[in-house]
Amino acid sequence: INAEYMGAGTPKWVLMFENSALFRRIFGVLQPPRALQQSILRVATANKPFLAIHVRVGDFFKWCSQTGSQPFKCPTPTVMFHEMASVALRRNLSRVFVACDPRHLDSTLALFSRLKAGISQELTFFQLPAEMQQLRGDVRSVLEQGICVEAEAFMGNSYSTWTHTVHYRRRLRNHSCHTSHMWMRKDSFTCVSKVAGAT
């Protein structure tokens, strides 16, 4: 196993799982129903090409305040904005889909809009269409994940199962691992080496 990734804190079993046939079988089954897939594709197609980001707030802010954890586990919204702008510029993307707890989405978008005024880069943020925002929370979350899977590039939190689910599903769609970025991590963090004996 590549020691670089072990040193970054990725458990051995995760590397083995991601490179196994079992991984593909499990995540190949865990797909949204056809009706949701059609809604996902409709939104994604209308906005391509775009960058998708997962802004974890709410419960995560509470967890971070209690643990005083490392910055890469608990990046501030301002840090996320500037990292997002950097990746968007590098990939020549101007549209950004924001997946976020709906209770904090408006304040997050308002902050991003204020920060955008301080850069010359053109950025346009979008979210789920109004009719989808009225759906049950778990359904809305599945739709957001699906749109993130369809993006040209994705950014999320390395300590979030929501983020990693998107990354796993992007791998099944043959997106390069280098198109998944984790806040305050180097670009290769999501790329794992083949593990001896994995099938």
C-alpha atoms as a PDB file:
ATOM      1  CA  ILE A   1       0.000   0.000   0.000  1.00  0.00           C
ATOM      2  CA  ASN A   2       1.266   3.442  -0.868  1.00  0.00           C
ATOM      3  CA  ALA A   3       2.607   4.770   2.434  1.00  0.00           C
ATOM      4  CA  GLU A   4       1.779   8.335   1.410  1.00  0.00           C
ATOM      5  CA  TYR A   5      -1.933   7.642   1.699  1.00  0.00           C
ATOM      6  CA  MET A   6      -1.592   5.661   4.878  1.00  0.00           C
ATOM      7  CA  GLY A   7       0.294   8.628   6.328  1.00  0.00           C
ATOM      8  CA  ALA A   8      -2.583  10.901   5.292  1.00  0.00           C
ATOM      9  CA  GLY A   9      -4.855   8.912   7.596  1.00  0.00           C
ATOM     10  CA  THR A  10      -6.679   6.711   5.081  1.00  0.00           C
ATOM     11  CA  PRO A  11      -7.343   3.335   6.784  1.00  0.00           C
ATOM     12  CA  LYS A  12      -5.966   0.230   5.078  1.00  0.00           C
ATOM     13  CA  TRP A  13      -9.410  -1.360   4.724  1.00  0.00           C
ATOM     14  CA  VAL A  14     -10.704   1.694   2.811  1.00  0.00           C
ATOM     15  CA  LEU A  15      -7.934   1.365   0.237  1.00  0.00           C
ATOM     16  CA  MET A  16      -8.610  -2.334  -0.147  1.00  0.00           C
ATOM     17  CA  PHE A  17     -12.349  -1.784  -0.470  1.00  0.00           C
ATOM     18  CA  GLU A  18     -12.091   0.986  -3.064  1.00  0.00           C
ATOM     19  CA  ASN A  19      -9.942  -1.240  -5.285  1.00  0.00           C
ATOM     20  CA  SER A  20     -12.115  -4.328  -5.006  1.00  0.00           C
ATOM     21  CA  ALA A  21     -14.809  -5.830  -7.201  1.00  0.00           C
ATOM     22  CA  LEU A  22     -17.040  -5.861  -4.120  1.00  0.00           C
ATOM     23  CA  PHE A  23     -16.870  -2.068  -4.004  1.00  0.00           C
ATOM     24  CA  ARG A  24     -18.188  -1.814  -7.560  1.00  0.00           C
ATOM     25  CA  ARG A  25     -20.957  -4.330  -6.920  1.00  0.00           C
ATOM     26  CA  ILE A  26     -22.183  -2.585  -3.755  1.00  0.00           C
ATOM     27  CA  PHE A  27     -22.098   0.964  -5.091  1.00  0.00           C
ATOM     28  CA  GLY A  28     -23.421  -0.211  -8.447  1.00  0.00           C
ATOM     29  CA  VAL A  29     -26.610  -1.258  -6.669  1.00  0.00           C
ATOM     30  CA  LEU A  30     -26.884   1.860  -4.501  1.00  0.00           C
ATOM     31  CA  GLN A  31     -28.303   4.097  -7.212  1.00  0.00           C
ATOM     32  CA  PRO A  32     -31.225   6.554  -7.001  1.00  0.00           C
ATOM     33  CA  PRO A  33     -34.602   5.452  -8.413  1.00  0.00           C
ATOM     34  CA  ARG A  34     -35.136   6.217 -12.100  1.00  0.00           C
ATOM     35  CA  ALA A  35     -37.428   9.194 -11.419  1.00  0.00           C
ATOM     36  CA  LEU A  36     -34.749  10.845  -9.280  1.00  0.00           C
ATOM     37  CA  GLN A  37     -32.045  10.042 -11.810  1.00  0.00           C
ATOM     38  CA  GLN A  38     -34.066  11.841 -14.476  1.00  0.00           C
ATOM     39  CA  SER A  39     -34.397  14.905 -12.226  1.00  0.00           C
ATOM     40  CA  ILE A  40     -30.659  14.822 -11.497  1.00  0.00           C
ATOM     41  CA  LEU A  41     -29.764  14.645 -15.185  1.00  0.00           C
ATOM     42  CA  ARG A  42     -32.172  17.464 -16.021  1.00  0.00           C
ATOM     43  CA  VAL A  43     -30.493  19.850 -13.561  1.00  0.00           C
ATOM     44  CA  ALA A  44     -26.960  18.718 -14.427  1.00  0.00           C
ATOM     45  CA  THR A  45     -27.468  18.938 -18.174  1.00  0.00           C
ATOM     46  CA  ALA A  46     -28.958  22.429 -17.931  1.00  0.00           C
ATOM     47  CA  ASN A  47     -25.902  23.689 -16.027  1.00  0.00           C
ATOM     48  CA  LYS A  48     -22.943  21.866 -17.583  1.00  0.00           C
ATOM     49  CA  PRO A  49     -20.074  22.380 -17.304  1.00  0.00           C
ATOM     50  CA  PHE A  50     -19.980  23.039 -13.574  1.00  0.00           C
ATOM     51  CA  LEU A  51     -18.106  22.486 -10.335  1.00  0.00           C
ATOM     52  CA  ALA A  52     -20.022  20.962  -7.407  1.00  0.00           C
ATOM     53  CA  ILE A  53     -19.150  21.566  -3.758  1.00  0.00           C
ATOM     54  CA  HIS A  54     -20.334  20.084  -0.465  1.00  0.00           C
ATOM     55  CA  VAL A  55     -20.400  22.636   2.332  1.00  0.00           C
ATOM     56  CA  ARG A  56     -20.839  20.755   5.591  1.00  0.00           C
ATOM     57  CA  VAL A  57     -22.215  22.985   8.334  1.00  0.00           C
ATOM     58  CA  GLY A  58     -24.741  22.703  11.147  1.00  0.00           C
ATOM     59  CA  ASP A  59     -23.867  19.559  13.101  1.00  0.00           C
ATOM     60  CA  PHE A  60     -20.302  19.744  11.812  1.00  0.00           C
ATOM     61  CA  PHE A  61     -19.736  23.231  13.202  1.00  0.00           C
ATOM     62  CA  LYS A  62     -20.893  21.942  16.599  1.00  0.00           C
ATOM     63  CA  TRP A  63     -18.553  18.949  16.335  1.00  0.00           C
ATOM     64  CA  CYS A  64     -15.622  21.169  15.359  1.00  0.00           C
ATOM     65  CA  SER A  65     -16.200  23.579  18.237  1.00  0.00           C
ATOM     66  CA  GLN A  66     -16.208  20.687  20.689  1.00  0.00           C
ATOM     67  CA  THR A  67     -13.115  18.910  19.381  1.00  0.00           C
ATOM     68  CA  GLY A  68     -10.961  21.855  18.300  1.00  0.00           C
ATOM     69  CA  SER A  69      -9.929  19.668  15.423  1.00  0.00           C
ATOM     70  CA  GLN A  70      -7.410  20.166  12.632  1.00  0.00           C
ATOM     71  CA  PRO A  71      -8.212  22.872  10.052  1.00  0.00           C
ATOM     72  CA  PHE A  72      -8.564  20.379   7.189  1.00  0.00           C
ATOM     73  CA  LYS A  73     -11.322  18.614   9.121  1.00  0.00           C
ATOM     74  CA  CYS A  74     -13.151  21.853   9.878  1.00  0.00           C
ATOM     75  CA  PRO A  75     -12.452  24.435   7.166  1.00  0.00           C
ATOM     76  CA  THR A  76     -14.199  27.784   7.516  1.00  0.00           C
ATOM     77  CA  PRO A  77     -16.664  28.903   4.824  1.00  0.00           C
ATOM     78  CA  THR A  78     -14.173  31.596   3.800  1.00  0.00           C
ATOM     79  CA  VAL A  79     -11.430  28.996   3.288  1.00  0.00           C
ATOM     80  CA  MET A  80     -13.858  26.848   1.302  1.00  0.00           C
ATOM     81  CA  PHE A  81     -14.788  29.785  -0.911  1.00  0.00           C
ATOM     82  CA  HIS A  82     -11.201  30.628  -1.828  1.00  0.00           C
ATOM     83  CA  GLU A  83     -10.260  26.981  -2.443  1.00  0.00           C
ATOM     84  CA  MET A  84     -13.386  26.563  -4.573  1.00  0.00           C
ATOM     85  CA  ALA A  85     -12.546  29.683  -6.588  1.00  0.00           C
ATOM     86  CA  SER A  86      -9.014  28.387  -7.157  1.00  0.00           C
ATOM     87  CA  VAL A  87     -10.202  25.012  -8.457  1.00  0.00           C
ATOM     88  CA  ALA A  88     -12.874  26.642 -10.620  1.00  0.00           C
ATOM     89  CA  LEU A  89     -10.288  28.946 -12.163  1.00  0.00           C
ATOM     90  CA  ARG A  90      -7.836  26.124 -12.777  1.00  0.00           C
ATOM     91  CA  ARG A  91     -10.518  24.010 -14.435  1.00  0.00           C
ATOM     92  CA  ASN A  92     -12.061  26.918 -16.329  1.00  0.00           C
ATOM     93  CA  LEU A  93     -15.458  26.491 -14.666  1.00  0.00           C
ATOM     94  CA  SER A  94     -17.693  29.402 -13.731  1.00  0.00           C
ATOM     95  CA  ARG A  95     -20.877  27.665 -12.553  1.00  0.00           C
ATOM     96  CA  VAL A  96     -20.849  26.161  -9.054  1.00  0.00           C
ATOM     97  CA  PHE A  97     -23.489  23.866  -7.559  1.00  0.00           C
ATOM     98  CA  VAL A  98     -23.700  24.223  -3.773  1.00  0.00           C
ATOM     99  CA  ALA A  99     -24.883  21.235  -1.718  1.00  0.00           C
ATOM    100  CA  CYS A 100     -25.540  22.289   1.858  1.00  0.00           C
ATOM    101  CA  ASP A 101     -27.836  21.778   4.830  1.00  0.00           C
ATOM    102  CA  PRO A 102     -30.915  23.799   3.753  1.00  0.00           C
ATOM    103  CA  ARG A 103     -31.001  25.495   7.157  1.00  0.00           C
ATOM    104  CA  HIS A 104     -27.646  27.107   6.361  1.00  0.00           C
ATOM    105  CA  LEU A 105     -27.805  27.355   2.567  1.00  0.00           C
ATOM    106  CA  ASP A 106     -29.053  30.959   2.315  1.00  0.00           C
ATOM    107  CA  SER A 107     -26.413  32.283   4.728  1.00  0.00           C
ATOM    108  CA  THR A 108     -23.691  30.302   2.956  1.00  0.00           C
ATOM    109  CA  LEU A 109     -24.687  31.643  -0.449  1.00  0.00           C
ATOM    110  CA  ALA A 110     -24.898  35.184   0.954  1.00  0.00           C
ATOM    111  CA  LEU A 111     -21.356  34.883   2.324  1.00  0.00           C
ATOM    112  CA  PHE A 112     -20.063  33.487  -0.971  1.00  0.00           C
ATOM    113  CA  SER A 113     -21.687  36.364  -2.849  1.00  0.00           C
ATOM    114  CA  ARG A 114     -19.957  38.900  -0.595  1.00  0.00           C
ATOM    115  CA  LEU A 115     -16.602  37.169  -1.006  1.00  0.00           C
ATOM    116  CA  LYS A 116     -17.102  36.970  -4.766  1.00  0.00           C
ATOM    117  CA  ALA A 117     -17.230  40.763  -4.899  1.00  0.00           C
ATOM    118  CA  GLY A 118     -13.584  40.798  -3.829  1.00  0.00           C
ATOM    119  CA  ILE A 119     -12.268  38.772  -6.766  1.00  0.00           C
ATOM    120  CA  SER A 120     -12.268  39.415 -10.490  1.00  0.00           C
ATOM    121  CA  GLN A 121     -13.255  35.856 -11.332  1.00  0.00           C
ATOM    122  CA  GLU A 122     -16.734  35.192 -12.760  1.00  0.00           C
ATOM    123  CA  LEU A 123     -18.656  32.731 -10.576  1.00  0.00           C
ATOM    124  CA  THR A 124     -22.336  31.825 -10.610  1.00  0.00           C
ATOM    125  CA  PHE A 125     -23.794  29.707  -7.806  1.00  0.00           C
ATOM    126  CA  PHE A 126     -26.842  27.499  -8.176  1.00  0.00           C
ATOM    127  CA  GLN A 127     -28.774  25.054  -6.015  1.00  0.00           C
ATOM    128  CA  LEU A 128     -31.653  22.610  -6.357  1.00  0.00           C
ATOM    129  CA  PRO A 129     -34.630  24.054  -8.275  1.00  0.00           C
ATOM    130  CA  ALA A 130     -37.418  25.386  -6.061  1.00  0.00           C
ATOM    131  CA  GLU A 131     -39.715  22.404  -6.645  1.00  0.00           C
ATOM    132  CA  MET A 132     -36.996  19.993  -5.501  1.00  0.00           C
ATOM    133  CA  GLN A 133     -36.293  22.000  -2.364  1.00  0.00           C
ATOM    134  CA  GLN A 134     -39.826  21.179  -1.168  1.00  0.00           C
ATOM    135  CA  LEU A 135     -39.086  17.444  -1.086  1.00  0.00           C
ATOM    136  CA  ARG A 136     -38.321  15.426   2.029  1.00  0.00           C
ATOM    137  CA  GLY A 137     -34.828  16.000   3.400  1.00  0.00           C
ATOM    138  CA  ASP A 138     -33.414  12.574   2.556  1.00  0.00           C
ATOM    139  CA  VAL A 139     -34.744  12.761  -1.007  1.00  0.00           C
ATOM    140  CA  ARG A 140     -33.290  16.252  -1.425  1.00  0.00           C
ATOM    141  CA  SER A 141     -29.928  14.954  -0.205  1.00  0.00           C
ATOM    142  CA  VAL A 142     -29.956  12.128  -2.767  1.00  0.00           C
ATOM    143  CA  LEU A 143     -30.676  14.645  -5.516  1.00  0.00           C
ATOM    144  CA  GLU A 144     -27.796  16.855  -4.378  1.00  0.00           C
ATOM    145  CA  GLN A 145     -25.417  13.902  -4.313  1.00  0.00           C
ATOM    146  CA  GLY A 146     -26.503  12.869  -7.789  1.00  0.00           C
ATOM    147  CA  ILE A 147     -25.851  16.343  -9.199  1.00  0.00           C
ATOM    148  CA  CYS A 148     -22.415  16.341  -7.549  1.00  0.00           C
ATOM    149  CA  VAL A 149     -21.684  13.017  -9.246  1.00  0.00           C
ATOM    150  CA  GLU A 150     -22.434  14.561 -12.644  1.00  0.00           C
ATOM    151  CA  ALA A 151     -20.157  17.589 -12.162  1.00  0.00           C
ATOM    152  CA  GLU A 152     -16.898  18.060 -14.032  1.00  0.00           C
ATOM    153  CA  ALA A 153     -15.172  18.411 -10.641  1.00  0.00           C
ATOM    154  CA  PHE A 154     -16.264  18.018  -7.032  1.00  0.00           C
ATOM    155  CA  MET A 155     -15.052  19.436  -3.710  1.00  0.00           C
ATOM    156  CA  GLY A 156     -15.981  18.190  -0.261  1.00  0.00           C
ATOM    157  CA  ASN A 157     -14.869  17.363   3.266  1.00  0.00           C
ATOM    158  CA  SER A 158     -12.471  14.470   3.841  1.00  0.00           C
ATOM    159  CA  TYR A 159     -14.222  13.658   7.142  1.00  0.00           C
ATOM    160  CA  SER A 160     -17.712  13.421   5.661  1.00  0.00           C
ATOM    161  CA  THR A 161     -19.394  10.172   4.609  1.00  0.00           C
ATOM    162  CA  TRP A 162     -21.694  12.290   2.390  1.00  0.00           C
ATOM    163  CA  THR A 163     -18.653  13.613   0.521  1.00  0.00           C
ATOM    164  CA  HIS A 164     -17.051  10.188   0.231  1.00  0.00           C
ATOM    165  CA  THR A 165     -20.257   8.662  -1.119  1.00  0.00           C
ATOM    166  CA  VAL A 166     -20.168  11.221  -3.930  1.00  0.00           C
ATOM    167  CA  HIS A 167     -16.496  10.433  -4.567  1.00  0.00           C
ATOM    168  CA  TYR A 168     -17.178   6.665  -4.696  1.00  0.00           C
ATOM    169  CA  ARG A 169     -20.054   7.124  -7.123  1.00  0.00           C
ATOM    170  CA  ARG A 170     -17.945   9.421  -9.302  1.00  0.00           C
ATOM    171  CA  ARG A 171     -15.366   6.642  -9.535  1.00  0.00           C
ATOM    172  CA  LEU A 172     -18.042   4.278 -10.788  1.00  0.00           C
ATOM    173  CA  ARG A 173     -18.904   6.865 -13.460  1.00  0.00           C
ATOM    174  CA  ASN A 174     -15.233   6.799 -14.508  1.00  0.00           C
ATOM    175  CA  HIS A 175     -14.443  10.307 -13.314  1.00  0.00           C
ATOM    176  CA  SER A 176     -10.722  10.593 -12.644  1.00  0.00           C
ATOM    177  CA  CYS A 177      -9.869  10.556  -8.939  1.00  0.00           C
ATOM    178  CA  HIS A 178      -8.099  13.858  -9.598  1.00  0.00           C
ATOM    179  CA  THR A 179     -11.486  15.506 -10.215  1.00  0.00           C
ATOM    180  CA  SER A 180     -12.432  14.995  -6.543  1.00  0.00           C
ATOM    181  CA  HIS A 181     -10.907  17.549  -4.181  1.00  0.00           C
ATOM    182  CA  MET A 182     -11.035  17.687  -0.397  1.00  0.00           C
ATOM    183  CA  TRP A 183     -10.897  20.976   1.464  1.00  0.00           C
ATOM    184  CA  MET A 184      -7.337  21.843   2.518  1.00  0.00           C
ATOM    185  CA  ARG A 185      -5.964  18.578   1.121  1.00  0.00           C
ATOM    186  CA  LYS A 186      -3.606  18.135  -1.801  1.00  0.00           C
ATOM    187  CA  ASP A 187      -5.316  17.223  -5.071  1.00  0.00           C
ATOM    188  CA  SER A 188      -4.084  13.621  -5.029  1.00  0.00           C
ATOM    189  CA  PHE A 189      -5.629  12.863  -1.627  1.00  0.00           C
ATOM    190  CA  THR A 190      -8.573  10.976  -3.124  1.00  0.00           C
ATOM    191  CA  CYS A 191      -6.382   8.864  -5.426  1.00  0.00           C
ATOM    192  CA  VAL A 192      -5.449   5.475  -4.047  1.00  0.00           C
ATOM    193  CA  SER A 193      -2.889   3.004  -5.318  1.00  0.00           C
ATOM    194  CA  LYS A 194      -3.787  -0.532  -6.301  1.00  0.00           C
ATOM    195  CA  VAL A 195      -3.636  -2.815  -3.284  1.00  0.00           C
ATOM    196  CA  ALA A 196      -1.922  -6.176  -3.607  1.00  0.00           C
ATOM    197  CA  GLY A 197      -4.499  -8.947  -3.604  1.00  0.00           C
ATOM    198  CA  ALA A 198      -7.466  -6.665  -4.340  1.00  0.00           C
ATOM    199  CA  THR A 199      -9.908  -8.035  -6.890  1.00  0.00           C
END
